Amino acid sequence: MSDAPKPSDARKQEQRRKLLQAAAVGCGVVGLSLTGLLPVLTRKEQRLRPPGALDEHDFLASCIKCGQCVQVCPVNALKPADLLDGFGVGVPFIDPRKQACDFSCDVGQCILACPTGALTYHKPEFLPAREGMKVPAPPVLLAKEKEPEPNLNFSERMGVARLARPEACLSVRGEGVKGSARGEAFKGKKRWTEVDRWAPVPVKDHAYDLERCDLCVRECPIKGAISIETVNGRPTPVVHDACVGCGVCEMMCPAEPAAIVIDAQRPWSPS
């Protein structure tokens, strides 16, 4: 007579093995977090959330990590967070240096795809906007400026752009840009209205020949969000309160690391 376990016993052994493996992984993750190697219990970095996101606490409570917003983004700007985000694991975020939200869908697909209201055009009355997060007027998308409805249908910013390294800014330094903004290895995409109103193309395939860099202004998708002004005698990017924090300026900045960055979830405040 064979001593081999019965099929039902084999299934039980397999289930027990998987349970022990899951428990071991869980204990390992918790152990690493307690040593500080993985910030699982406390997320230390503010993430740039998709347009229309609720305030962080409400967003994390409302998002069910279904990934539908990630799937519909035309430039693949949305990514699910990993273990380094602690309790935000699986929640969508944008890394603007790698791929910004350039509103190729005119701000609609991720919000429309969200089944829970974690992304919304208009907050319910019991969730008022934080001070400085509400934009002063409906943002005008330059790609739609000549259309009857040029505005983006949301009212709160994602963050605010900031010239973090003025000494590295090519405009301040009086330097130009020839060729692609980020080099041949860069994988990001962007929509250029003069190329195709709807289809984003690789940034590496779009060449420039500029005597003085103004890409943060030239490529900003929002009307009046940023301009080049004379500051201390030098042409300098200046951010205005129309900025919604989409990240295009950071993505397109030729300096490495970027001279202009997005402060995620930061309200507007006059400098």
Protein backbone atom coordinates (compact mmCIF):
# COMPACT_ATOMS: atom_id res chain seq x y z
CA MET A 1 0.00 0.00 0.00
CA SER A 2 1.33 3.43 -0.93
CA ASP A 3 2.24 5.90 1.87
CA ALA A 4 1.65 8.91 -0.40
CA PRO A 5 -0.68 11.49 1.13
CA LYS A 6 -4.22 11.63 -0.09
CA PRO A 7 -5.10 14.51 -2.45
CA SER A 8 -6.99 16.28 0.31
CA ASP A 9 -4.00 15.96 2.63
CA ALA A 10 -1.66 17.29 -0.06
CA ARG A 11 -3.90 20.33 -0.50
CA LYS A 12 -3.87 20.99 3.22
CA GLN A 13 -0.08 20.75 3.29
CA GLU A 14 0.19 23.20 0.38
CA GLN A 15 -2.17 25.65 2.09
CA ARG A 16 -0.19 25.36 5.33
CA ARG A 17 3.06 25.99 3.46
CA LYS A 18 1.66 29.12 1.79
CA LEU A 19 0.31 30.38 5.13
CA LEU A 20 3.71 29.97 6.76
CA GLN A 21 5.40 31.75 3.83
CA ALA A 22 2.95 34.67 4.06
CA ALA A 23 3.47 34.91 7.81
CA ALA A 24 7.24 34.90 7.36
CA VAL A 25 7.08 37.67 4.74
CA GLY A 26 4.77 39.71 6.96
CA CYS A 27 7.05 39.35 9.97
CA GLY A 28 10.03 40.29 7.82
CA VAL A 29 8.36 43.44 6.53
CA VAL A 30 7.29 44.51 10.02
CA GLY A 31 10.76 43.75 11.35
CA LEU A 32 12.41 45.86 8.65
CA SER A 33 9.99 48.68 9.27
CA LEU A 34 10.79 48.71 12.97
CA THR A 35 14.51 48.94 12.18
CA GLY A 36 13.83 51.94 9.96
CA LEU A 37 14.86 50.18 6.75
CA LEU A 38 11.31 50.25 5.44
CA PRO A 39 8.99 53.13 6.42
CA VAL A 40 5.92 50.87 6.53
CA LEU A 41 4.46 52.31 9.70
CA THR A 42 5.11 55.94 8.85
CA ARG A 43 5.21 57.29 5.31
CA LYS A 44 7.88 59.99 5.19
CA GLU A 45 7.48 61.35 1.67
CA GLN A 46 4.60 63.37 0.24
CA ARG A 47 3.49 61.93 -3.07
CA LEU A 48 2.07 63.88 -5.98
CA ARG A 49 -1.45 62.55 -6.36
CA PRO A 50 -3.59 62.50 -9.54
CA PRO A 51 -5.70 65.54 -10.44
CA GLY A 52 -8.91 65.74 -8.45
CA ALA A 53 -7.49 63.81 -5.47
CA LEU A 54 -9.02 64.42 -2.06
CA ASP A 55 -6.78 65.67 0.75
CA GLU A 56 -4.24 63.00 1.67
CA HIS A 57 -6.03 61.51 4.69
CA ASP A 58 -9.35 61.32 2.87
CA PHE A 59 -7.67 60.10 -0.31
CA LEU A 60 -5.95 57.20 1.44
CA ALA A 61 -9.22 56.32 3.17
CA SER A 62 -11.22 56.42 -0.08
CA CYS A 63 -8.84 54.82 -2.59
CA ILE A 64 -9.41 51.06 -2.91
CA LYS A 65 -6.24 50.53 -4.98
CA CYS A 66 -8.20 49.14 -7.90
CA GLY A 67 -5.73 50.54 -10.45
CA GLN A 68 -8.38 51.77 -12.89
CA CYS A 69 -6.92 55.30 -12.96
CA VAL A 70 -3.47 53.82 -13.65
CA GLN A 71 -4.81 51.87 -16.62
CA VAL A 72 -6.53 54.78 -18.38
CA CYS A 73 -3.76 57.42 -18.14
CA PRO A 74 -2.69 58.21 -21.73
CA VAL A 75 0.92 58.98 -20.76
CA ASN A 76 1.27 56.34 -18.02
CA ALA A 77 1.94 59.04 -15.45
CA LEU A 78 0.17 57.18 -12.64
CA LYS A 79 1.99 54.42 -10.79
CA PRO A 80 0.88 52.29 -7.80
CA ALA A 81 2.96 53.00 -4.71
CA ASP A 82 5.22 50.30 -3.27
CA LEU A 83 6.33 49.31 0.23
CA LEU A 84 8.28 52.54 0.65
CA ASP A 85 4.94 54.32 0.95
CA GLY A 86 3.88 52.46 4.06
CA PHE A 87 0.13 52.42 4.39
CA GLY A 88 -0.10 53.97 0.92
CA VAL A 89 0.95 50.73 -0.80
CA GLY A 90 -0.94 50.39 -4.09
CA VAL A 91 -2.22 53.97 -4.07
CA PRO A 92 -1.58 55.89 -7.32
CA PHE A 93 1.00 58.66 -7.45
CA ILE A 94 2.96 60.66 -10.03
CA ASP A 95 6.75 60.99 -10.22
CA PRO A 96 6.84 64.15 -12.37
CA ARG A 97 10.56 63.95 -13.14
CA LYS A 98 9.94 60.63 -14.90
CA GLN A 99 6.48 61.33 -16.32
CA ALA A 100 4.29 64.33 -15.60
CA CYS A 101 0.54 64.71 -16.00
CA ASP A 102 0.33 66.79 -19.17
CA PHE A 103 -3.50 66.66 -19.30
CA SER A 104 -3.46 64.68 -22.56
CA CYS A 105 -6.96 63.52 -21.65
CA ASP A 106 -8.05 67.08 -20.71
CA VAL A 107 -8.35 65.86 -17.10
CA GLY A 108 -11.03 63.32 -17.29
CA GLN A 109 -9.98 59.74 -17.62
CA CYS A 110 -8.50 59.09 -14.17
CA ILE A 111 -11.30 60.99 -12.43
CA LEU A 112 -13.99 59.29 -14.50
CA ALA A 113 -12.43 55.87 -13.89
CA CYS A 114 -12.33 56.25 -10.09
CA PRO A 115 -15.22 54.24 -8.60
CA THR A 116 -15.07 55.65 -5.06
CA GLY A 117 -14.78 59.44 -5.37
CA ALA A 118 -11.15 59.46 -4.20
CA LEU A 119 -10.63 61.44 -7.42
CA THR A 120 -13.39 63.92 -8.05
CA TYR A 121 -14.17 67.06 -10.00
CA HIS A 122 -15.94 68.67 -7.05
CA LYS A 123 -15.64 67.81 -3.37
CA PRO A 124 -18.77 67.35 -1.28
CA GLU A 125 -19.55 70.30 0.99
CA PHE A 126 -18.37 68.50 4.13
CA LEU A 127 -14.83 68.31 2.67
CA PRO A 128 -13.80 71.95 2.18
CA ALA A 129 -10.61 72.80 0.32
CA ARG A 130 -7.49 73.45 2.36
CA GLU A 131 -6.36 77.05 2.32
CA GLY A 132 -4.18 77.70 -0.70
CA MET A 133 -5.20 74.52 -2.54
CA LYS A 134 -8.08 76.07 -4.43
CA VAL A 135 -7.03 77.65 -7.74
CA PRO A 136 -8.15 81.30 -8.16
CA ALA A 137 -10.03 80.54 -11.39
CA PRO A 138 -10.79 77.44 -13.48
CA PRO A 139 -7.46 76.48 -15.10
CA VAL A 140 -7.26 77.22 -18.83
CA LEU A 141 -5.65 74.39 -20.79
CA LEU A 142 -3.61 75.99 -23.56
CA ALA A 143 -4.37 73.08 -25.87
CA LYS A 144 -8.06 74.03 -25.60
CA GLU A 145 -7.65 77.82 -25.43
CA LYS A 146 -9.41 78.45 -28.73
CA GLU A 147 -12.29 76.09 -27.97
CA PRO A 148 -15.65 77.14 -26.47
CA GLU A 149 -14.83 75.34 -23.19
CA PRO A 150 -11.09 75.87 -22.57
CA ASN A 151 -11.20 75.24 -18.81
CA LEU A 152 -10.17 72.13 -16.94
CA ASN A 153 -13.02 70.83 -14.82
CA PHE A 154 -11.35 70.82 -11.44
CA SER A 155 -10.75 73.47 -8.83
CA GLU A 156 -7.89 72.34 -6.54
CA ARG A 157 -4.20 72.13 -7.30
CA MET A 158 -2.08 68.99 -7.01
CA GLY A 159 0.90 70.96 -5.67
CA VAL A 160 2.99 73.98 -6.61
CA ALA A 161 6.09 74.39 -8.80
CA ARG A 162 9.18 75.92 -7.20
CA LEU A 163 12.54 77.05 -8.61
CA ALA A 164 14.58 74.97 -6.20
CA ARG A 165 18.00 75.40 -7.85
CA PRO A 166 18.19 78.82 -9.53
CA GLU A 167 21.95 78.44 -9.92
CA ALA A 168 21.33 75.44 -12.20
CA CYS A 169 18.52 77.01 -14.25
CA LEU A 170 19.63 77.41 -17.87
CA SER A 171 17.53 80.55 -18.28
CA VAL A 172 19.21 82.19 -15.29
CA ARG A 173 22.61 81.06 -16.59
CA GLY A 174 21.85 82.42 -20.07
CA GLU A 175 22.22 79.01 -21.71
CA GLY A 176 20.16 77.46 -24.48
CA VAL A 177 18.85 74.05 -25.47
CA LYS A 178 19.69 72.18 -28.65
CA GLY A 179 18.19 68.78 -29.41
CA SER A 180 15.90 66.92 -27.03
CA ALA A 181 15.27 68.37 -23.58
CA ARG A 182 16.17 65.24 -21.61
CA GLY A 183 18.36 63.20 -23.94
CA GLU A 184 17.87 60.03 -25.93
CA ALA A 185 17.52 57.77 -22.90
CA PHE A 186 14.51 59.60 -21.44
CA LYS A 187 11.29 57.58 -21.78
CA GLY A 188 8.71 60.24 -20.92
CA LYS A 189 5.96 61.41 -23.26
CA LYS A 190 4.18 64.70 -23.83
CA ARG A 191 1.44 66.07 -26.04
CA TRP A 192 2.42 68.87 -28.41
CA THR A 193 -0.64 70.54 -29.91
CA GLU A 194 1.25 71.47 -33.06
CA VAL A 195 2.20 67.80 -33.56
CA ASP A 196 -1.04 66.05 -32.54
CA ARG A 197 -3.86 67.40 -30.41
CA TRP A 198 -4.44 64.06 -28.72
CA ALA A 199 -1.46 61.74 -29.19
CA PRO A 200 1.48 62.17 -26.80
CA VAL A 201 4.88 61.55 -28.39
CA PRO A 202 8.26 60.69 -26.81
CA VAL A 203 10.04 63.73 -25.40
CA LYS A 204 13.31 62.45 -26.88
CA ASP A 205 11.82 62.78 -30.39
CA HIS A 206 11.00 66.49 -30.01
CA ALA A 207 14.03 68.68 -30.77
CA TYR A 208 14.68 72.29 -29.75
CA ASP A 209 17.01 75.01 -30.92
CA LEU A 210 16.75 77.70 -28.25
CA GLU A 211 19.38 80.38 -27.56
CA ARG A 212 18.07 80.72 -24.02
CA CYS A 213 16.09 77.99 -22.28
CA ASP A 214 12.46 78.73 -21.45
CA LEU A 215 11.10 75.18 -21.53
CA CYS A 216 9.30 75.42 -18.18
CA VAL A 217 7.24 78.29 -19.60
CA ARG A 218 7.08 77.09 -23.19
CA GLU A 219 5.79 73.62 -22.28
CA CYS A 220 3.56 74.43 -19.31
CA PRO A 221 0.04 73.26 -20.27
CA ILE A 222 -1.74 75.81 -18.05
CA LYS A 223 -2.23 79.41 -19.14
CA GLY A 224 -0.56 81.96 -16.86
CA ALA A 225 0.98 79.42 -14.48
CA ILE A 226 4.61 80.43 -15.03
CA SER A 227 6.53 83.15 -16.84
CA ILE A 228 10.07 84.39 -17.34
CA GLU A 229 10.65 87.59 -15.35
CA THR A 230 13.76 89.67 -14.68
CA VAL A 231 14.92 88.89 -11.15
CA ASN A 232 18.19 90.38 -9.91
CA GLY A 233 18.96 91.32 -13.49
CA ARG A 234 18.54 87.78 -14.84
CA PRO A 235 15.67 86.12 -16.77
CA THR A 236 14.17 83.81 -14.15
CA PRO A 237 11.15 81.46 -14.09
CA VAL A 238 8.47 82.82 -11.77
CA VAL A 239 5.54 80.64 -10.68
CA HIS A 240 2.06 82.18 -10.40
CA ASP A 241 -1.07 81.14 -8.53
CA ALA A 242 -2.57 79.57 -11.67
CA CYS A 243 -0.07 76.71 -11.20
CA VAL A 244 -1.81 73.40 -10.51
CA GLY A 245 1.33 71.34 -9.85
CA CYS A 246 1.08 69.00 -12.84
CA GLY A 247 4.84 68.53 -13.05
CA VAL A 248 5.45 69.24 -16.75
CA CYS A 249 8.01 71.92 -15.91
CA GLU A 250 9.97 69.48 -13.74
CA MET A 251 9.81 66.75 -16.38
CA MET A 252 11.00 69.06 -19.17
CA CYS A 253 13.75 70.87 -17.25
CA PRO A 254 17.11 70.05 -18.95
CA ALA A 255 19.13 70.58 -15.77
CA GLU A 256 20.08 67.45 -13.85
CA PRO A 257 18.78 67.29 -11.21
CA ALA A 258 15.89 69.53 -12.21
CA ALA A 259 16.18 73.21 -11.37
CA ILE A 260 12.40 73.51 -10.98
CA VAL A 261 10.45 70.95 -8.96
CA ILE A 262 6.93 70.26 -7.76
CA ASP A 263 6.17 70.46 -4.06
CA ALA A 264 3.46 67.80 -3.88
CA GLN A 265 0.25 68.72 -2.05
CA ARG A 266 1.69 72.10 -1.04
CA PRO A 267 -0.76 75.01 -1.03
CA TRP A 268 -0.04 78.23 -2.88
CA SER A 269 1.56 81.03 -0.92
CA PRO A 270 2.98 84.29 -2.32
CA SER A 271 6.78 84.31 -2.06
